[in-house]
PDB file of N, CA and C in Angstrom:
ATOM      1  N   MET A   1      10.818 -42.668   4.799  1.00  0.00           N
ATOM      2  CA  MET A   1      10.900 -41.850   5.063  1.00  0.00           C
ATOM      3  C   MET A   1       9.379 -40.591   4.189  1.00  0.00           C
ATOM      4  N   GLY A   2       8.427 -40.609   5.307  1.00  0.00           N
ATOM      5  CA  GLY A   2       7.425 -39.218   4.739  1.00  0.00           C
ATOM      6  C   GLY A   2       7.988 -38.190   4.311  1.00  0.00           C
ATOM      7  N   PRO A   3       6.694 -37.256   4.291  1.00  0.00           N
ATOM      8  CA  PRO A   3       6.838 -35.577   3.855  1.00  0.00           C
ATOM      9  C   PRO A   3       7.203 -35.230   5.380  1.00  0.00           C
ATOM     10  N   GLY A   4       6.448 -35.455   6.301  1.00  0.00           N
ATOM     11  CA  GLY A   4       7.200 -35.109   7.696  1.00  0.00           C
ATOM     12  C   GLY A   4       8.688 -34.871   8.075  1.00  0.00           C
ATOM     13  N   GLU A   5       9.168 -36.353   8.335  1.00  0.00           N
ATOM     14  CA  GLU A   5      10.366 -36.439   7.976  1.00  0.00           C
ATOM     15  C   GLU A   5      11.489 -35.901   7.283  1.00  0.00           C
ATOM     16  N   LEU A   6      11.675 -35.865   6.275  1.00  0.00           N
ATOM     17  CA  LEU A   6      11.861 -34.827   4.870  1.00  0.00           C
ATOM     18  C   LEU A   6      11.468 -33.639   5.586  1.00  0.00           C
ATOM     19  N   GLY A   7      10.205 -32.749   6.344  1.00  0.00           N
ATOM     20  CA  GLY A   7      10.335 -31.192   6.147  1.00  0.00           C
ATOM     21  C   GLY A   7      11.106 -31.485   7.934  1.00  0.00           C
ATOM     22  N   LYS A   8      10.773 -31.807   8.391  1.00  0.00           N
ATOM     23  CA  LYS A   8      11.729 -32.213  10.259  1.00  0.00           C
ATOM     24  C   LYS A   8      13.064 -31.901   9.214  1.00  0.00           C
ATOM     25  N   TRP A   9      13.520 -32.582   8.305  1.00  0.00           N
ATOM     26  CA  TRP A   9      14.862 -32.558   8.230  1.00  0.00           C
ATOM     27  C   TRP A   9      15.456 -31.139   7.329  1.00  0.00           C
ATOM     28  N   ALA A  10      14.637 -30.903   7.070  1.00  0.00           N
ATOM     29  CA  ALA A  10      14.755 -29.930   5.638  1.00  0.00           C
ATOM     30  C   ALA A  10      14.798 -28.266   6.822  1.00  0.00           C
ATOM     31  N   TRP A  11      13.923 -28.355   8.128  1.00  0.00           N
ATOM     32  CA  TRP A  11      13.764 -27.017   8.792  1.00  0.00           C
ATOM     33  C   TRP A  11      15.285 -27.394   9.746  1.00  0.00           C
ATOM     34  N   ILE A  12      15.460 -28.702  10.128  1.00  0.00           N
ATOM     35  CA  ILE A  12      16.679 -28.389  10.334  1.00  0.00           C
ATOM     36  C   ILE A  12      18.192 -28.088  10.158  1.00  0.00           C
ATOM     37  N   ILE A  13      18.162 -28.688   8.561  1.00  0.00           N
ATOM     38  CA  ILE A  13      19.205 -28.367   8.251  1.00  0.00           C
ATOM     39  C   ILE A  13      19.310 -26.664   8.052  1.00  0.00           C
ATOM     40  N   GLY A  14      17.966 -25.924   7.444  1.00  0.00           N
ATOM     41  CA  GLY A  14      17.977 -24.414   6.979  1.00  0.00           C
ATOM     42  C   GLY A  14      18.579 -23.431   8.307  1.00  0.00           C
ATOM     43  N   LEU A  15      18.063 -24.346   9.699  1.00  0.00           N
ATOM     44  CA  LEU A  15      18.249 -23.766  10.543  1.00  0.00           C
ATOM     45  C   LEU A  15      19.864 -23.259  11.779  1.00  0.00           C
ATOM     46  N   ALA A  16      20.237 -24.612  11.213  1.00  0.00           N
ATOM     47  CA  ALA A  16      21.609 -24.893  11.313  1.00  0.00           C
ATOM     48  C   ALA A  16      22.717 -23.844  10.841  1.00  0.00           C
ATOM     49  N   LEU A  17      22.554 -23.752   9.106  1.00  0.00           N
ATOM     50  CA  LEU A  17      23.158 -23.147   7.428  1.00  0.00           C
ATOM     51  C   LEU A  17      22.414 -22.087   8.906  1.00  0.00           C
ATOM     52  N   LEU A  18      21.492 -21.535   8.925  1.00  0.00           N
ATOM     53  CA  LEU A  18      21.414 -19.841   9.470  1.00  0.00           C
ATOM     54  C   LEU A  18      22.377 -19.367  10.786  1.00  0.00           C
ATOM     55  N   LEU A  19      22.407 -20.719  11.142  1.00  0.00           N
ATOM     56  CA  LEU A  19      22.850 -20.626  12.929  1.00  0.00           C
ATOM     57  C   LEU A  19      24.252 -20.259  12.677  1.00  0.00           C
ATOM     58  N   LEU A  20      25.267 -21.465  11.737  1.00  0.00           N
ATOM     59  CA  LEU A  20      26.080 -21.045  11.264  1.00  0.00           C
ATOM     60  C   LEU A  20      26.598 -19.597  11.111  1.00  0.00           C
ATOM     61  N   GLY A  21      25.894 -19.159   9.835  1.00  0.00           N
ATOM     62  CA  GLY A  21      26.281 -17.757   9.438  1.00  0.00           C
ATOM     63  C   GLY A  21      26.444 -16.894  10.399  1.00  0.00           C
ATOM     64  N   GLY A  22      24.968 -17.576  11.574  1.00  0.00           N
ATOM     65  CA  GLY A  22      25.181 -16.205  12.606  1.00  0.00           C
ATOM     66  C   GLY A  22      26.294 -15.732  13.424  1.00  0.00           C
ATOM     67  N   ILE A  23      26.755 -17.142  14.098  1.00  0.00           N
ATOM     68  CA  ILE A  23      28.264 -17.565  14.690  1.00  0.00           C
ATOM     69  C   ILE A  23      28.831 -16.861  13.930  1.00  0.00           C
ATOM     70  N   LEU A  24      28.823 -17.618  12.545  1.00  0.00           N
ATOM     71  CA  LEU A  24      30.799 -17.196  11.958  1.00  0.00           C
ATOM     72  C   LEU A  24      30.069 -15.659  11.753  1.00  0.00           C
ATOM     73  N   GLY A  25      29.012 -14.923  11.358  1.00  0.00           N
ATOM     74  CA  GLY A  25      29.439 -13.210  11.325  1.00  0.00           C
ATOM     75  C   GLY A  25      29.790 -12.741  12.687  1.00  0.00           C
ATOM     76  N   ALA A  26      29.944 -13.170  13.965  1.00  0.00           N
ATOM     77  CA  ALA A  26      30.837 -12.150  14.607  1.00  0.00           C
ATOM     78  C   ALA A  26      32.207 -12.730  13.865  1.00  0.00           C
ATOM     79  N   PHE A  27      32.753 -13.432  13.606  1.00  0.00           N
ATOM     80  CA  PHE A  27      33.964 -13.469  13.413  1.00  0.00           C
ATOM     81  C   PHE A  27      34.904 -12.545  12.530  1.00  0.00           C
ATOM     82  N   MET A  28      33.728 -12.504  11.560  1.00  0.00           N
ATOM     83  CA  MET A  28      34.266 -12.192   9.764  1.00  0.00           C
ATOM     84  C   MET A  28      32.403 -10.901   8.825  1.00  0.00           C
ATOM     85  N   ASP A  29      32.416 -11.440   7.818  1.00  0.00           N
ATOM     86  CA  ASP A  29      31.647 -10.880   7.399  1.00  0.00           C
ATOM     87  C   ASP A  29      30.736 -11.974   6.996  1.00  0.00           C
ATOM     88  N   ASN A  30      29.255 -11.883   7.413  1.00  0.00           N
ATOM     89  CA  ASN A  30      28.767 -13.444   6.773  1.00  0.00           C
ATOM     90  C   ASN A  30      29.129 -14.282   5.696  1.00  0.00           C
ATOM     91  N   PRO A  31      29.365 -15.265   6.389  1.00  0.00           N
ATOM     92  CA  PRO A  31      29.666 -16.165   4.738  1.00  0.00           C
ATOM     93  C   PRO A  31      28.630 -16.808   3.932  1.00  0.00           C
ATOM     94  N   ILE A  32      27.557 -17.143   4.996  1.00  0.00           N
ATOM     95  CA  ILE A  32      25.868 -17.187   4.943  1.00  0.00           C
ATOM     96  C   ILE A  32      25.022 -15.848   4.045  1.00  0.00           C
ATOM     97  N   THR A  33      25.633 -15.671   2.806  1.00  0.00           N
ATOM     98  CA  THR A  33      24.278 -15.032   1.749  1.00  0.00           C
ATOM     99  C   THR A  33      24.471 -15.668   0.313  1.00  0.00           C
ATOM    100  N   GLY A  34      23.719 -14.462  -0.238  1.00  0.00           N
ATOM    101  CA  GLY A  34      23.423 -15.027  -1.797  1.00  0.00           C
ATOM    102  C   GLY A  34      22.742 -15.851  -1.796  1.00  0.00           C
ATOM    103  N   VAL A  35      22.826 -17.156  -2.559  1.00  0.00           N
ATOM    104  CA  VAL A  35      22.542 -18.239  -2.983  1.00  0.00           C
ATOM    105  C   VAL A  35      22.550 -18.945  -1.533  1.00  0.00           C
ATOM    106  N   ILE A  36      23.594 -19.645  -0.758  1.00  0.00           N
ATOM    107  CA  ILE A  36      22.972 -19.955   0.237  1.00  0.00           C
ATOM    108  C   ILE A  36      22.357 -20.245   1.430  1.00  0.00           C
ATOM    109  N   ALA A  37      22.178 -18.625   1.217  1.00  0.00           N
ATOM    110  CA  ALA A  37      21.097 -18.173   2.265  1.00  0.00           C
ATOM    111  C   ALA A  37      19.332 -18.675   1.429  1.00  0.00           C
ATOM    112  N   ASP A  38      19.732 -18.337   0.643  1.00  0.00           N
ATOM    113  CA  ASP A  38      17.897 -18.364  -0.170  1.00  0.00           C
ATOM    114  C   ASP A  38      17.716 -20.132  -0.192  1.00  0.00           C
ATOM    115  N   ILE A  39      18.867 -20.936   0.244  1.00  0.00           N
ATOM    116  CA  ILE A  39      18.640 -22.138   0.155  1.00  0.00           C
ATOM    117  C   ILE A  39      18.038 -22.340   1.702  1.00  0.00           C
ATOM    118  N   ALA A  40      19.492 -21.580   2.518  1.00  0.00           N
ATOM    119  CA  ALA A  40      18.264 -22.171   4.473  1.00  0.00           C
ATOM    120  C   ALA A  40      16.901 -21.551   3.706  1.00  0.00           C
ATOM    121  N   LEU A  41      16.788 -20.293   3.888  1.00  0.00           N
ATOM    122  CA  LEU A  41      15.554 -20.110   4.009  1.00  0.00           C
ATOM    123  C   LEU A  41      14.349 -20.908   3.499  1.00  0.00           C
ATOM    124  N   ALA A  42      14.777 -21.277   2.065  1.00  0.00           N
ATOM    125  CA  ALA A  42      13.641 -22.305   1.404  1.00  0.00           C
ATOM    126  C   ALA A  42      13.422 -23.120   2.103  1.00  0.00           C
ATOM    127  N   LEU A  43      14.561 -23.818   2.571  1.00  0.00           N
ATOM    128  CA  LEU A  43      14.450 -25.283   3.226  1.00  0.00           C
ATOM    129  C   LEU A  43      13.916 -25.007   5.186  1.00  0.00           C
ATOM    130  N   ALA A  44      13.778 -23.715   5.753  1.00  0.00           N
ATOM    131  CA  ALA A  44      13.195 -23.021   6.064  1.00  0.00           C
ATOM    132  C   ALA A  44      11.624 -23.168   6.310  1.00  0.00           C
ATOM    133  N   PHE A  45      11.634 -22.293   5.254  1.00  0.00           N
ATOM    134  CA  PHE A  45       9.624 -22.198   4.624  1.00  0.00           C
ATOM    135  C   PHE A  45       9.481 -23.921   4.469  1.00  0.00           C
ATOM    136  N   LEU A  46      10.227 -24.739   3.818  1.00  0.00           N
ATOM    137  CA  LEU A  46       9.669 -26.239   3.309  1.00  0.00           C
ATOM    138  C   LEU A  46       9.525 -27.169   4.970  1.00  0.00           C
ATOM    139  N   GLY A  47       9.804 -26.392   5.340  1.00  0.00           N
ATOM    140  CA  GLY A  47       9.948 -27.177   7.189  1.00  0.00           C
ATOM    141  C   GLY A  47       8.918 -26.560   7.712  1.00  0.00           C
ATOM    142  N   GLY A  48       8.217 -25.411   7.285  1.00  0.00           N
ATOM    143  CA  GLY A  48       7.058 -24.924   7.831  1.00  0.00           C
ATOM    144  C   GLY A  48       5.547 -25.268   7.376  1.00  0.00           C
ATOM    145  N   ILE A  49       6.131 -25.602   5.674  1.00  0.00           N
ATOM    146  CA  ILE A  49       5.199 -26.593   5.277  1.00  0.00           C
ATOM    147  C   ILE A  49       4.660 -27.878   5.763  1.00  0.00           C
ATOM    148  N   PHE A  50       5.902 -28.720   6.100  1.00  0.00           N
ATOM    149  CA  PHE A  50       5.732 -30.163   5.775  1.00  0.00           C
ATOM    150  C   PHE A  50       5.859 -31.149   7.623  1.00  0.00           C
ATOM    151  N   HIS A  51       6.924 -30.027   8.437  1.00  0.00           N
ATOM    152  CA  HIS A  51       6.692 -30.270   9.870  1.00  0.00           C
ATOM    153  C   HIS A  51       5.875 -29.605  10.803  1.00  0.00           C
ATOM    154  N   LEU A  52       6.495 -28.455  11.121  1.00  0.00           N
ATOM    155  CA  LEU A  52       6.101 -27.248  11.955  1.00  0.00           C
ATOM    156  C   LEU A  52       4.551 -27.281  11.789  1.00  0.00           C
ATOM    157  N   ALA A  53       3.836 -26.901  10.392  1.00  0.00           N
ATOM    158  CA  ALA A  53       2.394 -27.127  10.835  1.00  0.00           C
ATOM    159  C   ALA A  53       2.051 -28.637  11.172  1.00  0.00           C
ATOM    160  N   GLY A  54       2.586 -29.494  11.702  1.00  0.00           N
ATOM    161  CA  GLY A  54       1.816 -30.797  12.627  1.00  0.00           C
ATOM    162  C   GLY A  54       2.089 -30.424  13.847  1.00  0.00           C
ATOM    163  N   GLY A  55       2.425 -29.634  14.115  1.00  0.00           N
ATOM    164  CA  GLY A  55       3.113 -29.316  15.498  1.00  0.00           C
ATOM    165  C   GLY A  55       1.991 -28.544  16.176  1.00  0.00           C
ATOM    166  N   ASP A  56       1.920 -27.943  17.260  1.00  0.00           N
ATOM    167  CA  ASP A  56       1.796 -26.920  17.859  1.00  0.00           C
ATOM    168  C   ASP A  56       1.950 -25.711  17.024  1.00  0.00           C
ATOM    169  N   ARG A  57       1.041 -25.498  16.521  1.00  0.00           N
ATOM    170  CA  ARG A  57       1.385 -23.526  15.633  1.00  0.00           C
ATOM    171  C   ARG A  57       1.600 -22.673  16.555  1.00  0.00           C
ATOM    172  N   THR A  58       0.132 -22.377  18.446  1.00  0.00           N
ATOM    173  CA  THR A  58       0.439 -21.179  18.785  1.00  0.00           C
ATOM    174  C   THR A  58       1.698 -21.627  19.463  1.00  0.00           C
ATOM    175  N   ALA A  59       2.357 -22.387  19.751  1.00  0.00           N
ATOM    176  CA  ALA A  59       3.476 -22.238  20.785  1.00  0.00           C
ATOM    177  C   ALA A  59       4.783 -21.196  19.418  1.00  0.00           C
ATOM    178  N   PHE A  60       4.850 -22.169  18.473  1.00  0.00           N
ATOM    179  CA  PHE A  60       5.687 -21.898  17.282  1.00  0.00           C
ATOM    180  C   PHE A  60       5.534 -20.557  16.937  1.00  0.00           C
ATOM    181  N   PHE A  61       4.258 -20.020  16.723  1.00  0.00           N
ATOM    182  CA  PHE A  61       3.758 -18.829  16.632  1.00  0.00           C
ATOM    183  C   PHE A  61       4.497 -17.267  17.520  1.00  0.00           C
ATOM    184  N   ILE A  62       4.140 -18.335  19.035  1.00  0.00           N
ATOM    185  CA  ILE A  62       4.655 -16.684  19.880  1.00  0.00           C
ATOM    186  C   ILE A  62       6.094 -16.955  19.885  1.00  0.00           C
ATOM    187  N   ALA A  63       6.913 -18.097  19.956  1.00  0.00           N
ATOM    188  CA  ALA A  63       8.187 -18.214  20.048  1.00  0.00           C
ATOM    189  C   ALA A  63       8.538 -17.263  18.393  1.00  0.00           C
ATOM    190  N   THR A  64       8.180 -17.494  17.032  1.00  0.00           N
ATOM    191  CA  THR A  64       8.674 -16.470  15.942  1.00  0.00           C
ATOM    192  C   THR A  64       8.274 -15.162  16.842  1.00  0.00           C
ATOM    193  N   LEU A  65       7.164 -14.756  17.578  1.00  0.00           N
ATOM    194  CA  LEU A  65       6.901 -13.110  17.537  1.00  0.00           C
ATOM    195  C   LEU A  65       8.390 -12.558  18.580  1.00  0.00           C
ATOM    196  N   ALA A  66       8.731 -13.640  19.776  1.00  0.00           N
ATOM    197  CA  ALA A  66       9.393 -13.460  20.448  1.00  0.00           C
ATOM    198  C   ALA A  66      10.690 -13.402  19.963  1.00  0.00           C
ATOM    199  N   LEU A  67      11.156 -13.980  18.886  1.00  0.00           N
ATOM    200  CA  LEU A  67      12.384 -13.739  18.556  1.00  0.00           C
ATOM    201  C   LEU A  67      12.266 -12.580  17.708  1.00  0.00           C
ATOM    202  N   VAL A  68      11.348 -12.341  16.669  1.00  0.00           N
ATOM    203  CA  VAL A  68      11.170 -11.087  16.450  1.00  0.00           C
ATOM    204  C   VAL A  68      11.123  -9.812  16.743  1.00  0.00           C
ATOM    205  N   ALA A  69      10.718  -9.581  18.331  1.00  0.00           N
ATOM    206  CA  ALA A  69      10.981  -9.053  18.816  1.00  0.00           C
ATOM    207  C   ALA A  69      12.196  -8.677  19.918  1.00  0.00           C
ATOM    208  N   VAL A  70      12.826  -9.591  20.000  1.00  0.00           N
ATOM    209  CA  VAL A  70      14.190  -9.219  20.537  1.00  0.00           C
ATOM    210  C   VAL A  70      15.230  -8.842  19.619  1.00  0.00           C
ATOM    211  N   ALA A  71      15.445  -9.709  18.618  1.00  0.00           N
ATOM    212  CA  ALA A  71      16.353  -9.739  17.490  1.00  0.00           C
ATOM    213  C   ALA A  71      15.814  -7.761  16.876  1.00  0.00           C
ATOM    214  N   GLY A  72      15.071  -7.340  16.802  1.00  0.00           N
ATOM    215  CA  GLY A  72      14.527  -6.378  16.173  1.00  0.00           C
ATOM    216  C   GLY A  72      14.830  -5.425  17.353  1.00  0.00           C
ATOM    217  N   ALA A  73      14.999  -5.299  18.651  1.00  0.00           N
ATOM    218  CA  ALA A  73      15.105  -4.597  20.327  1.00  0.00           C
ATOM    219  C   ALA A  73      16.875  -4.227  20.160  1.00  0.00           C
ATOM    220  N   ASP A  74      18.056  -5.651  19.338  1.00  0.00           N
ATOM    221  CA  ASP A  74      18.796  -5.768  19.398  1.00  0.00           C
ATOM    222  C   ASP A  74      19.840  -4.906  19.841  1.00  0.00           C
ATOM    223  N   SER A  75      19.925  -3.566  18.578  1.00  0.00           N
ATOM    224  CA  SER A  75      20.019  -2.779  19.483  1.00  0.00           C
ATOM    225  C   SER A  75      20.264  -1.275  20.740  1.00  0.00           C
ATOM    226  N   MET A  76      19.052  -1.562  21.011  1.00  0.00           N
ATOM    227  CA  MET A  76      19.035  -1.286  21.912  1.00  0.00           C
ATOM    228  C   MET A  76      19.007  -1.999  23.626  1.00  0.00           C
ATOM    229  N   MET A  77      18.820  -3.139  23.731  1.00  0.00           N
ATOM    230  CA  MET A  77      19.021  -3.991  24.471  1.00  0.00           C
ATOM    231  C   MET A  77      19.746  -4.446  24.668  1.00  0.00           C
ATOM    232  N   ALA A  78      20.758  -5.785  23.704  1.00  0.00           N
ATOM    233  CA  ALA A  78      21.539  -6.490  23.944  1.00  0.00           C
ATOM    234  C   ALA A  78      23.115  -5.605  23.585  1.00  0.00           C
ATOM    235  N   GLY A  79      22.992  -4.425  22.600  1.00  0.00           N
ATOM    236  CA  GLY A  79      24.004  -3.301  22.789  1.00  0.00           C
ATOM    237  C   GLY A  79      24.615  -3.087  24.622  1.00  0.00           C
ATOM    238  N   GLY A  80      23.365  -3.047  24.976  1.00  0.00           N
ATOM    239  CA  GLY A  80      23.998  -2.110  26.123  1.00  0.00           C
ATOM    240  C   GLY A  80      24.591  -3.537  27.713  1.00  0.00           C
ATOM    241  N   LEU A  81      24.466  -4.584  26.901  1.00  0.00           N
ATOM    242  CA  LEU A  81      24.815  -5.776  28.076  1.00  0.00           C
ATOM    243  C   LEU A  81      25.633  -6.254  27.166  1.00  0.00           C
ATOM    244  N   PHE A  82      26.138  -6.501  26.309  1.00  0.00           N
ATOM    245  CA  PHE A  82      27.158  -6.972  26.188  1.00  0.00           C
ATOM    246  C   PHE A  82      28.167  -6.659  25.479  1.00  0.00           C
ATOM    247  N   VAL A  83      29.582  -7.262  25.694  1.00  0.00           N
ATOM    248  CA  VAL A  83      30.970  -6.167  24.871  1.00  0.00           C
ATOM    249  C   VAL A  83      30.761  -6.593  23.147  1.00  0.00           C
ATOM    250  N   GLY A  84      31.541  -5.629  22.752  1.00  0.00           N
ATOM    251  CA  GLY A  84      31.521  -5.472  21.239  1.00  0.00           C
ATOM    252  C   GLY A  84      31.529  -7.611  20.434  1.00  0.00           C
ATOM    253  N   PHE A  85      32.427  -8.233  20.816  1.00  0.00           N
ATOM    254  CA  PHE A  85      32.034  -9.340  20.227  1.00  0.00           C
ATOM    255  C   PHE A  85      31.240 -10.321  20.273  1.00  0.00           C
ATOM    256  N   LEU A  86      30.895 -10.782  21.822  1.00  0.00           N
ATOM    257  CA  LEU A  86      30.013 -11.444  22.835  1.00  0.00           C
ATOM    258  C   LEU A  86      28.268 -10.464  22.294  1.00  0.00           C
ATOM    259  N   HIS A  87      28.232  -9.242  21.948  1.00  0.00           N
ATOM    260  CA  HIS A  87      27.599  -8.651  21.161  1.00  0.00           C
ATOM    261  C   HIS A  87      26.888  -9.202  19.976  1.00  0.00           C
ATOM    262  N   ASP A  88      28.179  -9.298  19.343  1.00  0.00           N
ATOM    263  CA  ASP A  88      27.745  -9.138  17.675  1.00  0.00           C
ATOM    264  C   ASP A  88      27.634 -10.846  17.780  1.00  0.00           C
ATOM    265  N   LEU A  89      28.464 -11.514  18.677  1.00  0.00           N
ATOM    266  CA  LEU A  89      27.674 -13.477  17.879  1.00  0.00           C
ATOM    267  C   LEU A  89      25.933 -13.918  18.881  1.00  0.00           C
ATOM    268  N   VAL A  90      25.826 -12.820  20.229  1.00  0.00           N
ATOM    269  CA  VAL A  90      24.348 -13.566  20.734  1.00  0.00           C
ATOM    270  C   VAL A  90      23.474 -12.432  19.434  1.00  0.00           C
ATOM    271  N   ALA A  91      23.905 -11.477  18.932  1.00  0.00           N
ATOM    272  CA  ALA A  91      22.757 -10.403  17.596  1.00  0.00           C
ATOM    273  C   ALA A  91      22.804 -11.951  16.912  1.00  0.00           C
ATOM    274  N   GLY A  92      24.179 -12.122  16.017  1.00  0.00           N
ATOM    275  CA  GLY A  92      23.945 -12.743  15.175  1.00  0.00           C
ATOM    276  C   GLY A  92      23.142 -14.143  15.240  1.00  0.00           C
ATOM    277  N   ILE A  93      23.377 -14.983  16.252  1.00  0.00           N
ATOM    278  CA  ILE A  93      22.048 -16.071  16.535  1.00  0.00           C
ATOM    279  C   ILE A  93      20.832 -15.938  16.838  1.00  0.00           C
ATOM    280  N   LEU A  94      20.702 -14.741  17.341  1.00  0.00           N
ATOM    281  CA  LEU A  94      18.901 -13.684  17.435  1.00  0.00           C
ATOM    282  C   LEU A  94      18.532 -14.428  16.043  1.00  0.00           C
ATOM    283  N   GLU A  95      19.349 -13.264  15.138  1.00  0.00           N
ATOM    284  CA  GLU A  95      18.866 -12.723  14.203  1.00  0.00           C
ATOM    285  C   GLU A  95      18.659 -13.965  12.771  1.00  0.00           C
ATOM    286  N   ALA A  96      19.723 -14.906  13.028  1.00  0.00           N
ATOM    287  CA  ALA A  96      19.547 -16.225  12.679  1.00  0.00           C
ATOM    288  C   ALA A  96      18.419 -17.124  12.923  1.00  0.00           C
ATOM    289  N   GLY A  97      17.654 -17.493  14.278  1.00  0.00           N
ATOM    290  CA  GLY A  97      16.726 -17.782  15.161  1.00  0.00           C
ATOM    291  C   GLY A  97      15.293 -17.309  14.348  1.00  0.00           C
ATOM    292  N   ARG A  98      15.878 -16.010  14.230  1.00  0.00           N
ATOM    293  CA  ARG A  98      14.451 -15.365  13.499  1.00  0.00           C
ATOM    294  C   ARG A  98      14.082 -15.600  12.389  1.00  0.00           C
ATOM    295  N   ASP A  99      14.991 -15.163  11.249  1.00  0.00           N
ATOM    296  CA  ASP A  99      15.222 -15.269   9.564  1.00  0.00           C
ATOM    297  C   ASP A  99      14.227 -17.104   9.519  1.00  0.00           C
ATOM    298  N   ALA A 100      15.203 -18.189  10.259  1.00  0.00           N
ATOM    299  CA  ALA A 100      14.858 -19.376  10.211  1.00  0.00           C
ATOM    300  C   ALA A 100      13.463 -19.857  10.873  1.00  0.00           C
ATOM    301  N   ALA A 101      12.780 -18.832  11.721  1.00  0.00           N
ATOM    302  CA  ALA A 101      11.409 -18.927  12.446  1.00  0.00           C
ATOM    303  C   ALA A 101      10.395 -18.126  11.711  1.00  0.00           C
ATOM    304  N   VAL A 102      10.476 -16.758  10.972  1.00  0.00           N
ATOM    305  CA  VAL A 102       9.766 -16.429   9.983  1.00  0.00           C
ATOM    306  C   VAL A 102       9.518 -17.356   9.153  1.00  0.00           C
ATOM    307  N   ALA A 103      10.812 -17.792   8.361  1.00  0.00           N
ATOM    308  CA  ALA A 103      10.104 -18.475   7.105  1.00  0.00           C
ATOM    309  C   ALA A 103       9.794 -19.635   7.209  1.00  0.00           C
ATOM    310  N   GLY A 104       9.821 -20.607   8.291  1.00  0.00           N
ATOM    311  CA  GLY A 104       9.129 -21.353   9.278  1.00  0.00           C
ATOM    312  C   GLY A 104       7.611 -21.271   9.486  1.00  0.00           C
ATOM    313  N   ALA A 105       7.962 -19.840   9.999  1.00  0.00           N
ATOM    314  CA  ALA A 105       5.803 -19.234  10.134  1.00  0.00           C
ATOM    315  C   ALA A 105       5.341 -18.997   8.836  1.00  0.00           C
ATOM    316  N   SER A 106       5.603 -18.406   8.072  1.00  0.00           N
ATOM    317  CA  SER A 106       5.350 -18.383   6.411  1.00  0.00           C
ATOM    318  C   SER A 106       5.118 -19.297   6.147  1.00  0.00           C
ATOM    319  N   GLY A 107       5.936 -20.546   6.076  1.00  0.00           N
ATOM    320  CA  GLY A 107       4.710 -22.462   5.851  1.00  0.00           C
ATOM    321  C   GLY A 107       4.073 -22.632   6.352  1.00  0.00           C
ATOM    322  N   VAL A 108       3.937 -22.316   8.249  1.00  0.00           N
ATOM    323  CA  VAL A 108       3.151 -22.605   8.390  1.00  0.00           C
ATOM    324  C   VAL A 108       1.359 -22.006   8.239  1.00  0.00           C
ATOM    325  N   LEU A 109       2.037 -20.724   7.809  1.00  0.00           N
ATOM    326  CA  LEU A 109       0.841 -19.862   7.530  1.00  0.00           C
ATOM    327  C   LEU A 109       0.010 -20.252   6.472  1.00  0.00           C
ATOM    328  N   LEU A 110       0.815 -20.488   5.599  1.00  0.00           N
ATOM    329  CA  LEU A 110       0.271 -20.916   4.288  1.00  0.00           C
ATOM    330  C   LEU A 110      -0.158 -22.529   4.164  1.00  0.00           C
ATOM    331  N   MET A 111       0.009 -23.233   5.293  1.00  0.00           N
ATOM    332  CA  MET A 111      -0.663 -24.742   5.369  1.00  0.00           C
ATOM    333  C   MET A 111      -2.223 -23.954   5.811  1.00  0.00           C
ATOM    334  N   THR A 112      -1.642 -23.196   6.922  1.00  0.00           N
ATOM    335  CA  THR A 112      -3.310 -22.534   7.741  1.00  0.00           C
ATOM    336  C   THR A 112      -4.489 -21.790   6.961  1.00  0.00           C
ATOM    337  N   LEU A 113      -3.623 -21.164   5.622  1.00  0.00           N
ATOM    338  CA  LEU A 113      -4.099 -20.807   4.316  1.00  0.00           C
ATOM    339  C   LEU A 113      -5.440 -21.831   3.753  1.00  0.00           C
ATOM    340  N   TYR A 114      -3.973 -23.153   3.739  1.00  0.00           N
ATOM    341  CA  TYR A 114      -4.669 -23.895   2.282  1.00  0.00           C
ATOM    342  C   TYR A 114      -5.758 -25.207   3.400  1.00  0.00           C
ATOM    343  N   GLU A 115      -5.815 -25.225   4.619  1.00  0.00           N
ATOM    344  CA  GLU A 115      -6.866 -26.006   5.074  1.00  0.00           C
ATOM    345  C   GLU A 115      -7.877 -25.139   5.280  1.00  0.00           C
ATOM    346  N   TRP A 116      -8.198 -23.862   5.315  1.00  0.00           N
ATOM    347  CA  TRP A 116      -8.949 -22.659   5.275  1.00  0.00           C
ATOM    348  C   TRP A 116     -10.037 -22.932   3.873  1.00  0.00           C
ATOM    349  N   VAL A 117      -9.728 -22.925   2.637  1.00  0.00           N
ATOM    350  CA  VAL A 117     -10.084 -23.049   1.800  1.00  0.00           C
ATOM    351  C   VAL A 117     -10.410 -24.958   1.369  1.00  0.00           C
ATOM    352  N   MET A 118      -9.464 -25.629   1.703  1.00  0.00           N
ATOM    353  CA  MET A 118      -9.971 -26.921   1.244  1.00  0.00           C
ATOM    354  C   MET A 118      -9.536 -27.621   2.896  1.00  0.00           C
ATOM    355  N   PRO A 119     -11.229 -27.744   2.791  1.00  0.00           N
ATOM    356  CA  PRO A 119     -11.224 -28.388   4.711  1.00  0.00           C
ATOM    357  C   PRO A 119     -11.651 -30.017   4.215  1.00  0.00           C
TER     358      PRO A 119
END
């Protein structure tokens, strides 16, 4: 199992932990906080370095920008579309996806800078 495969699993596990926290956050206080959130974000970051950097970077960056925009506009947009519980669920999922995508994009950007310096 090479670094790309490990990066893929790091990305999947980090994203899954964050999504679990986002979903459970609709039912209770978000249980994915503190050390667990830090581990999930670190796994997403490592997944960006070892897995996502090897794929289509432009598509990933566009998806990350879309998640940041939609999760940031949550209070304006989704608040009027959904009832309380459903709003919390959708907002939690979008925010978890945004957090994972930003951590992964940070890893991809780090690899981009590395490639600029070390051709």
